[in-house]
N, C-alpha and C. Protein backbone atom coordinates (compact mmCIF):
# COMPACT_ATOMS: atom_id res chain seq x y z
N MET A 1 97.82 70.66 -41.33
CA MET A 1 96.83 71.14 -42.29
C MET A 1 95.64 70.18 -42.30
N SER A 2 94.49 70.67 -41.94
CA SER A 2 93.31 69.81 -41.96
C SER A 2 92.62 69.94 -43.31
N MET A 3 92.11 68.83 -43.78
CA MET A 3 91.46 68.84 -45.09
C MET A 3 89.96 68.68 -44.88
N THR A 4 89.19 69.62 -45.41
CA THR A 4 87.75 69.55 -45.19
C THR A 4 87.09 68.59 -46.17
N ASP A 5 87.66 68.46 -47.40
CA ASP A 5 87.04 67.58 -48.39
C ASP A 5 88.10 66.74 -49.11
N PRO A 6 88.46 65.60 -48.51
CA PRO A 6 89.52 64.77 -49.10
C PRO A 6 89.18 64.24 -50.50
N VAL A 7 87.89 64.01 -50.79
CA VAL A 7 87.52 63.51 -52.12
C VAL A 7 87.77 64.58 -53.18
N ALA A 8 87.39 65.82 -52.87
CA ALA A 8 87.64 66.93 -53.81
C ALA A 8 89.14 67.10 -54.03
N ASP A 9 89.92 66.92 -52.95
CA ASP A 9 91.37 67.01 -53.06
C ASP A 9 91.91 65.93 -54.00
N MET A 10 91.41 64.70 -53.85
CA MET A 10 91.84 63.60 -54.71
C MET A 10 91.52 63.89 -56.18
N LEU A 11 90.28 64.35 -56.43
CA LEU A 11 89.87 64.66 -57.80
C LEU A 11 90.74 65.76 -58.39
N ALA A 12 91.04 66.79 -57.58
CA ALA A 12 91.87 67.90 -58.05
C ALA A 12 93.28 67.41 -58.39
N ARG A 13 93.83 66.53 -57.56
CA ARG A 13 95.18 66.01 -57.83
C ARG A 13 95.22 65.22 -59.13
N ILE A 14 94.20 64.38 -59.35
CA ILE A 14 94.15 63.58 -60.59
C ILE A 14 93.99 64.51 -61.79
N ARG A 15 93.08 65.47 -61.68
CA ARG A 15 92.83 66.43 -62.76
C ARG A 15 94.11 67.19 -63.11
N ASN A 16 94.80 67.69 -62.07
CA ASN A 16 96.02 68.48 -62.30
C ASN A 16 97.12 67.63 -62.92
N ALA A 17 97.30 66.40 -62.43
CA ALA A 17 98.34 65.53 -62.96
C ALA A 17 98.06 65.20 -64.42
N ALA A 18 96.78 64.96 -64.75
CA ALA A 18 96.40 64.63 -66.12
C ALA A 18 96.66 65.81 -67.04
N SER A 19 96.28 67.02 -66.60
CA SER A 19 96.47 68.18 -67.48
C SER A 19 97.96 68.53 -67.60
N ALA A 20 98.77 68.12 -66.61
CA ALA A 20 100.21 68.37 -66.68
C ALA A 20 100.93 67.24 -67.44
N GLY A 21 100.16 66.23 -67.86
CA GLY A 21 100.74 65.14 -68.63
C GLY A 21 101.56 64.16 -67.82
N GLN A 22 101.34 64.11 -66.51
CA GLN A 22 102.10 63.18 -65.67
C GLN A 22 101.54 61.77 -65.79
N ARG A 23 102.43 60.79 -65.58
CA ARG A 23 102.02 59.39 -65.70
C ARG A 23 101.31 58.89 -64.46
N ARG A 24 101.67 59.43 -63.29
CA ARG A 24 101.04 58.94 -62.06
C ARG A 24 100.93 60.03 -61.03
N VAL A 25 100.07 59.79 -60.06
CA VAL A 25 99.84 60.76 -58.99
C VAL A 25 99.59 60.02 -57.68
N ASP A 26 100.10 60.56 -56.58
CA ASP A 26 99.89 59.95 -55.27
C ASP A 26 98.86 60.77 -54.49
N VAL A 27 97.92 60.08 -53.86
CA VAL A 27 96.96 60.76 -52.97
C VAL A 27 96.97 60.04 -51.63
N PRO A 28 96.76 60.79 -50.53
CA PRO A 28 96.70 60.14 -49.21
C PRO A 28 95.59 59.07 -49.21
N ALA A 29 95.88 57.94 -48.60
CA ALA A 29 94.96 56.81 -48.69
C ALA A 29 93.80 56.90 -47.71
N SER A 30 92.65 56.39 -48.14
CA SER A 30 91.52 56.11 -47.25
C SER A 30 90.69 55.04 -47.96
N ARG A 31 89.81 54.39 -47.22
CA ARG A 31 88.99 53.34 -47.84
C ARG A 31 88.12 53.90 -48.96
N LEU A 32 87.52 55.08 -48.69
CA LEU A 32 86.65 55.72 -49.68
C LEU A 32 87.43 56.03 -50.96
N LYS A 33 88.63 56.59 -50.81
CA LYS A 33 89.42 56.95 -51.99
C LYS A 33 89.89 55.71 -52.74
N ALA A 34 90.18 54.63 -52.03
CA ALA A 34 90.57 53.38 -52.69
C ALA A 34 89.40 52.84 -53.51
N GLU A 35 88.18 52.94 -52.96
CA GLU A 35 86.98 52.52 -53.70
C GLU A 35 86.76 53.40 -54.93
N LEU A 36 86.98 54.70 -54.77
CA LEU A 36 86.86 55.65 -55.87
C LEU A 36 87.84 55.28 -56.98
N ALA A 37 89.08 54.98 -56.59
CA ALA A 37 90.10 54.58 -57.57
C ALA A 37 89.70 53.27 -58.26
N ARG A 38 89.11 52.33 -57.49
CA ARG A 38 88.68 51.06 -58.07
C ARG A 38 87.62 51.29 -59.16
N ILE A 39 86.67 52.18 -58.88
CA ILE A 39 85.62 52.46 -59.86
C ILE A 39 86.21 53.13 -61.10
N LEU A 40 87.13 54.08 -60.91
CA LEU A 40 87.77 54.73 -62.05
C LEU A 40 88.54 53.70 -62.89
N HIS A 41 89.18 52.74 -62.20
CA HIS A 41 89.93 51.69 -62.89
C HIS A 41 89.00 50.74 -63.63
N ASP A 42 87.93 50.30 -62.95
CA ASP A 42 86.99 49.36 -63.55
C ASP A 42 86.33 49.95 -64.80
N ASN A 43 86.17 51.28 -64.82
CA ASN A 43 85.53 51.94 -65.96
C ASN A 43 86.53 52.56 -66.92
N HIS A 44 87.79 52.12 -66.79
CA HIS A 44 88.86 52.48 -67.73
C HIS A 44 89.19 53.96 -67.79
N TYR A 45 89.04 54.67 -66.68
CA TYR A 45 89.46 56.07 -66.64
C TYR A 45 90.92 56.20 -66.20
N ILE A 46 91.38 55.23 -65.39
CA ILE A 46 92.80 55.22 -65.01
C ILE A 46 93.38 53.86 -65.37
N ALA A 47 94.70 53.83 -65.59
CA ALA A 47 95.36 52.60 -66.02
C ALA A 47 95.48 51.61 -64.85
N ASP A 48 95.84 52.13 -63.67
CA ASP A 48 96.06 51.25 -62.53
C ASP A 48 96.10 52.07 -61.24
N PHE A 49 95.97 51.38 -60.10
CA PHE A 49 96.19 52.04 -58.81
C PHE A 49 96.68 51.02 -57.82
N LYS A 50 97.51 51.47 -56.88
CA LYS A 50 98.01 50.59 -55.82
C LYS A 50 97.92 51.35 -54.50
N VAL A 51 97.53 50.63 -53.45
CA VAL A 51 97.55 51.23 -52.12
C VAL A 51 98.88 50.87 -51.48
N LEU A 52 99.71 51.88 -51.21
CA LEU A 52 101.04 51.65 -50.66
C LEU A 52 101.06 52.01 -49.18
N GLU A 53 101.69 51.15 -48.38
CA GLU A 53 101.86 51.47 -46.96
C GLU A 53 103.02 52.44 -46.87
N ASP A 54 102.75 53.67 -46.48
CA ASP A 54 103.80 54.68 -46.43
C ASP A 54 103.58 55.52 -45.18
N GLY A 55 104.26 55.16 -44.10
CA GLY A 55 104.06 55.89 -42.85
C GLY A 55 102.74 55.48 -42.21
N PRO A 56 102.18 56.35 -41.38
CA PRO A 56 100.96 55.99 -40.64
C PRO A 56 99.74 55.83 -41.54
N ARG A 57 99.66 56.63 -42.61
CA ARG A 57 98.46 56.68 -43.42
C ARG A 57 98.50 55.76 -44.63
N GLY A 58 99.56 55.86 -45.40
CA GLY A 58 99.62 55.17 -46.68
C GLY A 58 99.17 56.10 -47.79
N VAL A 59 99.56 55.76 -49.02
CA VAL A 59 99.13 56.57 -50.16
C VAL A 59 98.55 55.65 -51.22
N ILE A 60 97.71 56.22 -52.07
CA ILE A 60 97.21 55.50 -53.23
C ILE A 60 97.95 56.06 -54.42
N ARG A 61 98.71 55.20 -55.11
CA ARG A 61 99.44 55.64 -56.30
C ARG A 61 98.59 55.31 -57.52
N ILE A 62 98.15 56.35 -58.21
CA ILE A 62 97.26 56.19 -59.36
C ILE A 62 98.05 56.39 -60.64
N THR A 63 98.00 55.40 -61.52
CA THR A 63 98.65 55.52 -62.83
C THR A 63 97.60 56.01 -63.81
N LEU A 64 97.85 57.16 -64.40
CA LEU A 64 96.87 57.77 -65.30
C LEU A 64 96.85 57.07 -66.65
N ARG A 65 95.75 57.20 -67.35
CA ARG A 65 95.58 56.55 -68.64
C ARG A 65 95.53 57.62 -69.73
N TYR A 66 96.25 57.37 -70.80
CA TYR A 66 96.27 58.32 -71.92
C TYR A 66 95.85 57.61 -73.20
N HIS A 67 95.22 58.36 -74.10
CA HIS A 67 94.83 57.83 -75.41
C HIS A 67 95.32 58.83 -76.44
N ASN A 68 96.17 58.40 -77.37
CA ASN A 68 96.78 59.31 -78.35
C ASN A 68 97.42 60.51 -77.65
N GLU A 69 98.16 60.22 -76.59
CA GLU A 69 98.88 61.26 -75.82
C GLU A 69 97.98 62.28 -75.13
N ARG A 70 96.67 62.07 -75.12
CA ARG A 70 95.76 62.96 -74.39
C ARG A 70 95.18 62.20 -73.21
N PRO A 71 95.03 62.87 -72.07
CA PRO A 71 94.49 62.15 -70.90
C PRO A 71 93.07 61.66 -71.16
N VAL A 72 92.76 60.45 -70.69
CA VAL A 72 91.41 59.89 -70.85
C VAL A 72 90.43 60.72 -70.02
N ILE A 73 90.88 61.18 -68.85
CA ILE A 73 90.02 62.00 -68.00
C ILE A 73 90.10 63.45 -68.47
N ARG A 74 89.01 63.93 -69.05
CA ARG A 74 88.98 65.32 -69.51
C ARG A 74 88.56 66.24 -68.36
N GLU A 75 87.60 65.78 -67.58
CA GLU A 75 87.10 66.62 -66.49
C GLU A 75 86.59 65.75 -65.35
N MET A 76 86.80 66.21 -64.13
CA MET A 76 86.25 65.56 -62.94
C MET A 76 85.64 66.65 -62.08
N LYS A 77 84.40 66.44 -61.66
CA LYS A 77 83.75 67.45 -60.83
C LYS A 77 83.19 66.81 -59.57
N ARG A 78 83.40 67.48 -58.46
CA ARG A 78 82.79 67.06 -57.19
C ARG A 78 81.37 67.58 -57.20
N MET A 79 80.39 66.70 -57.03
CA MET A 79 78.99 67.13 -57.08
C MET A 79 78.44 67.41 -55.69
N SER A 80 78.73 66.52 -54.75
CA SER A 80 78.23 66.65 -53.38
C SER A 80 79.42 67.06 -52.52
N SER A 81 79.24 68.05 -51.67
CA SER A 81 80.36 68.45 -50.82
C SER A 81 79.95 68.30 -49.36
N PRO A 82 80.91 68.34 -48.43
CA PRO A 82 80.54 68.21 -47.02
C PRO A 82 79.54 69.29 -46.59
N GLY A 83 79.62 70.47 -47.19
CA GLY A 83 78.71 71.54 -46.82
C GLY A 83 77.35 71.41 -47.48
N LEU A 84 77.32 70.81 -48.66
CA LEU A 84 76.06 70.67 -49.39
C LEU A 84 76.01 69.30 -50.04
N ARG A 85 75.39 68.38 -49.35
CA ARG A 85 75.30 67.01 -49.86
C ARG A 85 74.23 66.94 -50.94
N ARG A 86 74.51 66.19 -52.01
CA ARG A 86 73.50 66.01 -53.06
C ARG A 86 73.10 64.55 -53.13
N TYR A 87 71.84 64.28 -52.84
CA TYR A 87 71.34 62.91 -52.88
C TYR A 87 70.42 62.75 -54.07
N VAL A 88 70.48 61.58 -54.71
CA VAL A 88 69.62 61.33 -55.86
C VAL A 88 68.96 59.96 -55.72
N LYS A 89 67.75 59.84 -56.25
CA LYS A 89 67.11 58.53 -56.34
C LYS A 89 67.66 57.85 -57.58
N SER A 90 67.48 56.53 -57.67
CA SER A 90 68.08 55.79 -58.79
C SER A 90 67.61 56.34 -60.14
N ARG A 91 66.33 56.80 -60.20
CA ARG A 91 65.82 57.34 -61.47
C ARG A 91 66.37 58.72 -61.78
N GLU A 92 66.92 59.40 -60.76
CA GLU A 92 67.38 60.78 -60.94
C GLU A 92 68.89 60.87 -61.20
N ILE A 93 69.58 59.72 -61.23
CA ILE A 93 71.03 59.75 -61.46
C ILE A 93 71.28 60.33 -62.85
N PRO A 94 72.08 61.40 -62.94
CA PRO A 94 72.24 62.07 -64.24
C PRO A 94 73.01 61.23 -65.25
N ARG A 95 72.69 61.42 -66.53
CA ARG A 95 73.47 60.82 -67.60
C ARG A 95 74.53 61.82 -67.98
N ILE A 96 75.79 61.42 -67.88
CA ILE A 96 76.89 62.35 -68.11
C ILE A 96 77.33 62.26 -69.58
N LYS A 97 77.30 63.39 -70.28
CA LYS A 97 77.73 63.44 -71.69
C LYS A 97 77.09 62.32 -72.51
N ASN A 98 75.77 62.15 -72.35
CA ASN A 98 75.04 61.11 -73.09
C ASN A 98 75.62 59.71 -72.88
N GLY A 99 76.07 59.42 -71.68
CA GLY A 99 76.59 58.09 -71.40
C GLY A 99 78.07 57.94 -71.69
N LEU A 100 78.72 58.99 -72.22
CA LEU A 100 80.17 58.92 -72.45
C LEU A 100 80.93 59.14 -71.15
N GLY A 101 80.30 59.86 -70.22
CA GLY A 101 80.92 60.09 -68.93
C GLY A 101 80.30 59.18 -67.89
N MET A 102 80.65 59.40 -66.62
CA MET A 102 80.17 58.53 -65.57
C MET A 102 79.95 59.34 -64.29
N ALA A 103 78.87 59.03 -63.60
CA ALA A 103 78.66 59.61 -62.27
C ALA A 103 79.06 58.55 -61.24
N ILE A 104 79.60 58.99 -60.12
CA ILE A 104 79.96 58.06 -59.04
C ILE A 104 79.01 58.33 -57.88
N VAL A 105 78.30 57.28 -57.47
CA VAL A 105 77.26 57.40 -56.45
C VAL A 105 77.63 56.57 -55.23
N SER A 106 77.50 57.17 -54.05
CA SER A 106 77.72 56.43 -52.82
C SER A 106 76.37 55.87 -52.35
N THR A 107 76.17 54.57 -52.57
CA THR A 107 74.89 53.94 -52.24
C THR A 107 74.99 53.20 -50.91
N PRO A 108 73.87 52.73 -50.39
CA PRO A 108 73.95 51.93 -49.15
C PRO A 108 74.77 50.65 -49.34
N LYS A 109 74.98 50.21 -50.58
CA LYS A 109 75.78 49.00 -50.83
C LYS A 109 77.19 49.36 -51.30
N GLY A 110 77.64 50.57 -50.99
CA GLY A 110 78.99 50.99 -51.35
C GLY A 110 79.01 51.89 -52.58
N LEU A 111 80.21 52.31 -52.96
CA LEU A 111 80.36 53.18 -54.12
C LEU A 111 80.04 52.41 -55.40
N MET A 112 79.35 53.08 -56.33
CA MET A 112 79.00 52.45 -57.61
C MET A 112 79.08 53.49 -58.71
N SER A 113 79.28 52.99 -59.94
CA SER A 113 79.16 53.89 -61.08
C SER A 113 77.67 54.11 -61.32
N ASP A 114 77.33 55.14 -62.11
CA ASP A 114 75.92 55.46 -62.35
C ASP A 114 75.17 54.26 -62.94
N SER A 115 75.80 53.55 -63.88
CA SER A 115 75.11 52.42 -64.52
C SER A 115 74.86 51.27 -63.53
N GLN A 116 75.84 51.00 -62.65
CA GLN A 116 75.66 49.95 -61.64
C GLN A 116 74.52 50.32 -60.68
N ALA A 117 74.51 51.58 -60.27
CA ALA A 117 73.49 52.02 -59.31
C ALA A 117 72.09 51.94 -59.94
N ARG A 118 71.99 52.35 -61.22
CA ARG A 118 70.70 52.26 -61.92
C ARG A 118 70.26 50.80 -62.02
N ALA A 119 71.21 49.92 -62.39
CA ALA A 119 70.90 48.50 -62.54
C ALA A 119 70.43 47.90 -61.22
N ALA A 120 71.06 48.32 -60.11
CA ALA A 120 70.69 47.79 -58.79
C ALA A 120 69.51 48.55 -58.20
N ASN A 121 69.01 49.56 -58.94
CA ASN A 121 67.91 50.40 -58.50
C ASN A 121 68.20 51.06 -57.15
N LEU A 122 69.43 51.58 -57.01
CA LEU A 122 69.84 52.22 -55.77
C LEU A 122 70.16 53.70 -56.01
N GLY A 123 69.69 54.55 -55.11
CA GLY A 123 70.07 55.95 -55.13
C GLY A 123 71.13 56.16 -54.08
N GLY A 124 71.52 57.40 -53.85
CA GLY A 124 72.50 57.69 -52.83
C GLY A 124 73.08 59.06 -53.02
N GLU A 125 74.26 59.26 -52.43
CA GLU A 125 74.92 60.56 -52.55
C GLU A 125 75.69 60.63 -53.85
N LEU A 126 75.43 61.66 -54.64
CA LEU A 126 76.11 61.85 -55.93
C LEU A 126 77.46 62.49 -55.64
N LEU A 127 78.52 61.64 -55.58
CA LEU A 127 79.83 62.13 -55.18
C LEU A 127 80.50 62.97 -56.25
N ALA A 128 80.61 62.43 -57.47
CA ALA A 128 81.39 63.10 -58.51
C ALA A 128 80.96 62.67 -59.89
N VAL A 129 81.33 63.46 -60.89
CA VAL A 129 81.13 63.05 -62.28
C VAL A 129 82.47 63.12 -63.00
N VAL A 130 82.67 62.21 -63.95
CA VAL A 130 83.94 62.11 -64.69
C VAL A 130 83.62 61.96 -66.15
N TRP A 131 84.38 62.63 -67.00
CA TRP A 131 84.31 62.35 -68.44
C TRP A 131 85.61 62.68 -69.09
């Protein structure tokens, strides 16, 4: 089974696990997805993540975060897709839910949250939004 959009797959797995009330979810590992998990962790959307060596690929085990028994992640949306890339300048990075949410931007200096990218004055590909 070939996957056309591994990032969308990762977001869907996290979204589904959170809405099902699961504590953790495994996604096939890649450097990009590990960086995505790091940003979600740094911004307190997930409790923890570990990259496990499991066979040829490895998996990223993501521990979800809950607040008052409700998942911290209410929604995750893929903004840019392989078929339709969305690029933004640093001034055009959207504010998600008045700053309560976060956009994830792939900049020339690596993946960053919207606030980091604005601070560094970097634009890039608008990968996803989370709130």
